[in-house]
């Protein structure tokens, strides 16, 4: 053997993967029988945002608590400016009572704040419950909303008459 001459070792890989190392460049060559595809890993976006989670929890609670004519479900929706309340009979799919802070009978002639109007909505709800002989509410459904000033004013009007335990 002369100095300066070097022969590359003969290396072969398993025929299962379809690649073979050639002594000249040591690069794998793809066989026609087996194509290697690159592994792609995609990152998923977050499954549930905070708002979606509240909606999902609310749907799950609505399945558990169904209102009847004598024991309805109290559903409350609170937007940025207004409050809407409903008594719902889920068995007959009927709305027994609906009231909001937008109604003229609630706002009355001397204009009041939305918080005062929310308290009046609660008082109207209590009057309607007495008229309909409703002594108890099956569930209080806030639709996943956090308690703000309007909701607290509404709840105090209900808790004064014993519909909500605080």
C-alpha atoms as a PDB file:
ATOM      1  CA  UNK A   1       0.000   0.000   0.000  1.00  0.00           C
ATOM      2  CA  UNK A   2       1.298   3.357  -0.931  1.00  0.00           C
ATOM      3  CA  UNK A   3       1.102   6.400   1.188  1.00  0.00           C
ATOM      4  CA  UNK A   4      -1.644   8.799   0.237  1.00  0.00           C
ATOM      5  CA  UNK A   5      -4.061   6.263  -1.209  1.00  0.00           C
ATOM      6  CA  UNK A   6      -7.040   5.425   0.882  1.00  0.00           C
ATOM      7  CA  UNK A   7      -9.911   3.193  -0.070  1.00  0.00           C
ATOM      8  CA  UNK A   8     -13.303   3.767   1.461  1.00  0.00           C
ATOM      9  CA  UNK A   9     -14.812   0.885   3.381  1.00  0.00           C
ATOM     10  CA  UNK A  10     -17.727  -0.856   1.733  1.00  0.00           C
ATOM     11  CA  UNK A  11     -20.781   0.031   3.907  1.00  0.00           C
ATOM     12  CA  UNK A  12     -24.294  -1.091   3.166  1.00  0.00           C
ATOM     13  CA  UNK A  13     -27.501  -0.525   5.091  1.00  0.00           C
ATOM     14  CA  UNK A  14     -30.413  -2.836   5.396  1.00  0.00           C
ATOM     15  CA  UNK A  15     -32.465  -3.206   2.222  1.00  0.00           C
ATOM     16  CA  UNK A  16     -35.623  -2.620   4.297  1.00  0.00           C
ATOM     17  CA  UNK A  17     -35.142   1.148   4.269  1.00  0.00           C
ATOM     18  CA  UNK A  18     -34.161   1.234   0.626  1.00  0.00           C
ATOM     19  CA  UNK A  19     -30.965   3.217   1.040  1.00  0.00           C
ATOM     20  CA  UNK A  20     -27.456   2.171   0.241  1.00  0.00           C
ATOM     21  CA  UNK A  21     -24.212   3.918   1.054  1.00  0.00           C
ATOM     22  CA  UNK A  22     -21.803   4.200  -1.828  1.00  0.00           C
ATOM     23  CA  UNK A  23     -18.145   4.542  -1.087  1.00  0.00           C
ATOM     24  CA  UNK A  24     -17.720   7.619  -3.265  1.00  0.00           C
ATOM     25  CA  UNK A  25     -19.995  10.112  -1.519  1.00  0.00           C
ATOM     26  CA  UNK A  26     -21.664   8.323   1.433  1.00  0.00           C
ATOM     27  CA  UNK A  27     -25.049   9.926   0.602  1.00  0.00           C
ATOM     28  CA  UNK A  28     -28.216   7.830   0.846  1.00  0.00           C
ATOM     29  CA  UNK A  29     -30.001   7.165  -2.408  1.00  0.00           C
ATOM     30  CA  UNK A  30     -33.741   6.463  -2.444  1.00  0.00           C
ATOM     31  CA  UNK A  31     -34.897   3.242  -3.949  1.00  0.00           C
ATOM     32  CA  UNK A  32     -37.857   3.173  -6.303  1.00  0.00           C
ATOM     33  CA  UNK A  33     -39.640   0.568  -4.176  1.00  0.00           C
ATOM     34  CA  UNK A  34     -39.804   2.635  -0.997  1.00  0.00           C
ATOM     35  CA  UNK A  35     -40.186   6.402  -0.887  1.00  0.00           C
ATOM     36  CA  UNK A  36     -39.194   8.180   2.283  1.00  0.00           C
ATOM     37  CA  UNK A  37     -41.534  10.990   3.254  1.00  0.00           C
ATOM     38  CA  UNK A  38     -40.456  13.730   5.598  1.00  0.00           C
ATOM     39  CA  UNK A  39     -42.063  13.726   9.047  1.00  0.00           C
ATOM     40  CA  UNK A  40     -44.218  16.820   9.430  1.00  0.00           C
ATOM     41  CA  UNK A  41     -45.305  17.885  12.892  1.00  0.00           C
ATOM     42  CA  UNK A  42     -47.922  20.599  13.022  1.00  0.00           C
ATOM     43  CA  UNK A  43     -48.604  22.637  16.117  1.00  0.00           C
ATOM     44  CA  UNK A  44     -52.299  22.762  16.985  1.00  0.00           C
ATOM     45  CA  UNK A  45     -53.908  25.965  18.056  1.00  0.00           C
ATOM     46  CA  UNK A  46     -55.307  26.082  21.560  1.00  0.00           C
ATOM     47  CA  UNK A  47     -58.460  24.020  21.591  1.00  0.00           C
ATOM     48  CA  UNK A  48     -60.628  26.213  23.788  1.00  0.00           C
ATOM     49  CA  UNK A  49     -60.332  29.866  24.398  1.00  0.00           C
ATOM     50  CA  UNK A  50     -61.584  31.270  27.655  1.00  0.00           C
ATOM     51  CA  UNK A  51     -64.878  32.390  26.163  1.00  0.00           C
ATOM     52  CA  UNK A  52     -65.496  29.039  24.481  1.00  0.00           C
ATOM     53  CA  UNK A  53     -64.908  27.238  27.760  1.00  0.00           C
ATOM     54  CA  UNK A  54     -67.630  29.279  29.444  1.00  0.00           C
ATOM     55  CA  UNK A  55     -70.034  28.410  26.636  1.00  0.00           C
ATOM     56  CA  UNK A  56     -69.177  24.717  26.827  1.00  0.00           C
ATOM     57  CA  UNK A  57     -69.678  24.705  30.604  1.00  0.00           C
ATOM     58  CA  UNK A  58     -73.020  26.459  30.164  1.00  0.00           C
ATOM     59  CA  UNK A  59     -74.281  23.878  27.632  1.00  0.00           C
ATOM     60  CA  UNK A  60     -73.269  21.092  29.998  1.00  0.00           C
ATOM     61  CA  UNK A  61     -75.166  22.734  32.868  1.00  0.00           C
ATOM     62  CA  UNK A  62     -78.275  23.240  30.736  1.00  0.00           C
ATOM     63  CA  UNK A  63     -78.413  19.483  30.147  1.00  0.00           C
ATOM     64  CA  UNK A  64     -78.424  18.844  33.901  1.00  0.00           C
ATOM     65  CA  UNK A  65     -80.904  21.508  35.001  1.00  0.00           C
ATOM     66  CA  UNK A  66     -84.152  21.576  33.098  1.00  0.00           C
ATOM     67  CA  UNK A  67     -86.918  23.905  34.129  1.00  0.00           C
ATOM     68  CA  UNK A  68     -90.571  22.988  34.512  1.00  0.00           C
ATOM     69  CA  UNK A  69     -93.701  25.119  34.717  1.00  0.00           C
ATOM     70  CA  UNK A  70     -93.670  25.089  38.538  1.00  0.00           C
ATOM     71  CA  UNK A  71     -89.878  25.240  38.881  1.00  0.00           C
ATOM     72  CA  UNK A  72     -88.455  27.140  35.873  1.00  0.00           C
ATOM     73  CA  UNK A  73     -84.855  27.867  34.947  1.00  0.00           C
ATOM     74  CA  UNK A  74     -83.796  31.493  35.311  1.00  0.00           C
ATOM     75  CA  UNK A  75     -81.613  32.458  32.349  1.00  0.00           C
ATOM     76  CA  UNK A  76     -79.730  35.730  32.454  1.00  0.00           C
ATOM     77  CA  UNK A  77     -77.811  37.506  29.700  1.00  0.00           C
ATOM     78  CA  UNK A  78     -75.746  40.573  30.409  1.00  0.00           C
ATOM     79  CA  UNK A  79     -74.318  42.661  27.588  1.00  0.00           C
ATOM     80  CA  UNK A  80     -71.990  45.615  28.062  1.00  0.00           C
ATOM     81  CA  UNK A  81     -74.877  47.998  28.625  1.00  0.00           C
ATOM     82  CA  UNK A  82     -78.056  45.976  29.264  1.00  0.00           C
ATOM     83  CA  UNK A  83     -79.406  43.024  31.239  1.00  0.00           C
ATOM     84  CA  UNK A  84     -81.959  40.475  29.973  1.00  0.00           C
ATOM     85  CA  UNK A  85     -83.764  37.915  32.168  1.00  0.00           C
ATOM     86  CA  UNK A  86     -85.991  34.968  31.229  1.00  0.00           C
ATOM     87  CA  UNK A  87     -87.888  32.275  33.106  1.00  0.00           C
ATOM     88  CA  UNK A  88     -87.810  29.172  30.925  1.00  0.00           C
ATOM     89  CA  UNK A  89     -89.895  26.000  30.993  1.00  0.00           C
ATOM     90  CA  UNK A  90     -87.522  23.602  29.219  1.00  0.00           C
ATOM     91  CA  UNK A  91     -89.965  20.689  29.075  1.00  0.00           C
ATOM     92  CA  UNK A  92     -92.529  22.594  27.006  1.00  0.00           C
ATOM     93  CA  UNK A  93     -89.880  24.865  25.451  1.00  0.00           C
ATOM     94  CA  UNK A  94     -91.783  27.894  26.638  1.00  0.00           C
ATOM     95  CA  UNK A  95     -90.682  31.276  27.954  1.00  0.00           C
ATOM     96  CA  UNK A  96     -92.759  32.116  31.035  1.00  0.00           C
ATOM     97  CA  UNK A  97     -91.326  35.588  31.628  1.00  0.00           C
ATOM     98  CA  UNK A  98     -89.049  37.984  29.781  1.00  0.00           C
ATOM     99  CA  UNK A  99     -87.814  41.356  30.913  1.00  0.00           C
ATOM    100  CA  UNK A 100     -84.871  43.614  30.113  1.00  0.00           C
ATOM    101  CA  UNK A 101     -83.443  46.951  31.151  1.00  0.00           C
ATOM    102  CA  UNK A 102     -84.473  48.373  27.758  1.00  0.00           C
ATOM    103  CA  UNK A 103     -88.221  48.240  28.437  1.00  0.00           C
ATOM    104  CA  UNK A 104     -89.981  51.549  29.002  1.00  0.00           C
ATOM    105  CA  UNK A 105     -91.899  50.210  31.990  1.00  0.00           C
ATOM    106  CA  UNK A 106     -88.572  49.486  33.674  1.00  0.00           C
ATOM    107  CA  UNK A 107     -86.822  52.721  32.700  1.00  0.00           C
ATOM    108  CA  UNK A 108     -89.856  54.907  33.593  1.00  0.00           C
ATOM    109  CA  UNK A 109     -90.056  58.663  33.093  1.00  0.00           C
ATOM    110  CA  UNK A 110     -87.298  59.818  35.396  1.00  0.00           C
ATOM    111  CA  UNK A 111     -84.343  58.215  33.641  1.00  0.00           C
ATOM    112  CA  UNK A 112     -82.425  55.774  35.809  1.00  0.00           C
ATOM    113  CA  UNK A 113     -79.059  54.084  35.521  1.00  0.00           C
ATOM    114  CA  UNK A 114     -78.718  50.605  34.124  1.00  0.00           C
ATOM    115  CA  UNK A 115     -77.892  49.252  37.579  1.00  0.00           C
ATOM    116  CA  UNK A 116     -81.146  50.647  39.018  1.00  0.00           C
ATOM    117  CA  UNK A 117     -83.003  49.250  36.003  1.00  0.00           C
ATOM    118  CA  UNK A 118     -81.447  45.818  36.629  1.00  0.00           C
ATOM    119  CA  UNK A 119     -82.758  45.917  40.190  1.00  0.00           C
ATOM    120  CA  UNK A 120     -86.220  46.790  38.870  1.00  0.00           C
ATOM    121  CA  UNK A 121     -86.018  43.807  36.470  1.00  0.00           C
ATOM    122  CA  UNK A 122     -85.402  41.594  39.501  1.00  0.00           C
ATOM    123  CA  UNK A 123     -88.428  43.055  41.287  1.00  0.00           C
ATOM    124  CA  UNK A 124     -90.607  42.506  38.192  1.00  0.00           C
ATOM    125  CA  UNK A 125     -89.420  38.914  38.062  1.00  0.00           C
ATOM    126  CA  UNK A 126     -90.421  38.384  41.702  1.00  0.00           C
ATOM    127  CA  UNK A 127     -93.906  39.859  41.045  1.00  0.00           C
ATOM    128  CA  UNK A 128     -94.376  37.564  38.056  1.00  0.00           C
ATOM    129  CA  UNK A 129     -93.254  34.518  40.060  1.00  0.00           C
ATOM    130  CA  UNK A 130     -95.832  35.322  42.742  1.00  0.00           C
ATOM    131  CA  UNK A 131     -98.547  35.696  40.077  1.00  0.00           C
ATOM    132  CA  UNK A 132     -97.588  32.355  38.473  1.00  0.00           C
ATOM    133  CA  UNK A 133     -97.370  30.550  41.882  1.00  0.00           C
ATOM    134  CA  UNK A 134     -93.680  29.834  41.435  1.00  0.00           C
ATOM    135  CA  UNK A 135     -91.958  29.330  44.788  1.00  0.00           C
ATOM    136  CA  UNK A 136     -88.606  28.057  43.634  1.00  0.00           C
ATOM    137  CA  UNK A 137     -86.227  28.340  40.681  1.00  0.00           C
ATOM    138  CA  UNK A 138     -84.602  25.122  39.426  1.00  0.00           C
ATOM    139  CA  UNK A 139     -81.316  26.735  38.369  1.00  0.00           C
ATOM    140  CA  UNK A 140     -79.787  30.141  37.939  1.00  0.00           C
ATOM    141  CA  UNK A 141     -78.152  30.269  34.509  1.00  0.00           C
ATOM    142  CA  UNK A 142     -75.734  33.186  34.024  1.00  0.00           C
ATOM    143  CA  UNK A 143     -74.656  31.890  30.569  1.00  0.00           C
ATOM    144  CA  UNK A 144     -71.013  31.862  31.644  1.00  0.00           C
ATOM    145  CA  UNK A 145     -70.870  35.573  32.412  1.00  0.00           C
ATOM    146  CA  UNK A 146     -69.021  36.916  35.435  1.00  0.00           C
ATOM    147  CA  UNK A 147     -70.964  38.797  38.089  1.00  0.00           C
ATOM    148  CA  UNK A 148     -70.827  42.518  37.448  1.00  0.00           C
ATOM    149  CA  UNK A 149     -72.645  45.435  39.037  1.00  0.00           C
ATOM    150  CA  UNK A 150     -75.820  44.863  37.006  1.00  0.00           C
ATOM    151  CA  UNK A 151     -75.976  41.183  37.916  1.00  0.00           C
ATOM    152  CA  UNK A 152     -75.363  41.905  41.581  1.00  0.00           C
ATOM    153  CA  UNK A 153     -78.184  44.469  41.623  1.00  0.00           C
ATOM    154  CA  UNK A 154     -80.480  41.929  39.950  1.00  0.00           C
ATOM    155  CA  UNK A 155     -79.461  39.195  42.407  1.00  0.00           C
ATOM    156  CA  UNK A 156     -80.041  41.381  45.471  1.00  0.00           C
ATOM    157  CA  UNK A 157     -83.622  42.030  44.364  1.00  0.00           C
ATOM    158  CA  UNK A 158     -84.174  38.275  44.020  1.00  0.00           C
ATOM    159  CA  UNK A 159     -82.443  37.330  47.265  1.00  0.00           C
ATOM    160  CA  UNK A 160     -84.588  39.808  49.251  1.00  0.00           C
ATOM    161  CA  UNK A 161     -87.609  37.693  48.369  1.00  0.00           C
ATOM    162  CA  UNK A 162     -85.859  34.353  48.925  1.00  0.00           C
ATOM    163  CA  UNK A 163     -85.469  33.153  45.327  1.00  0.00           C
ATOM    164  CA  UNK A 164     -81.682  33.101  45.432  1.00  0.00           C
ATOM    165  CA  UNK A 165     -79.618  32.114  48.442  1.00  0.00           C
ATOM    166  CA  UNK A 166     -76.702  34.446  48.929  1.00  0.00           C
END
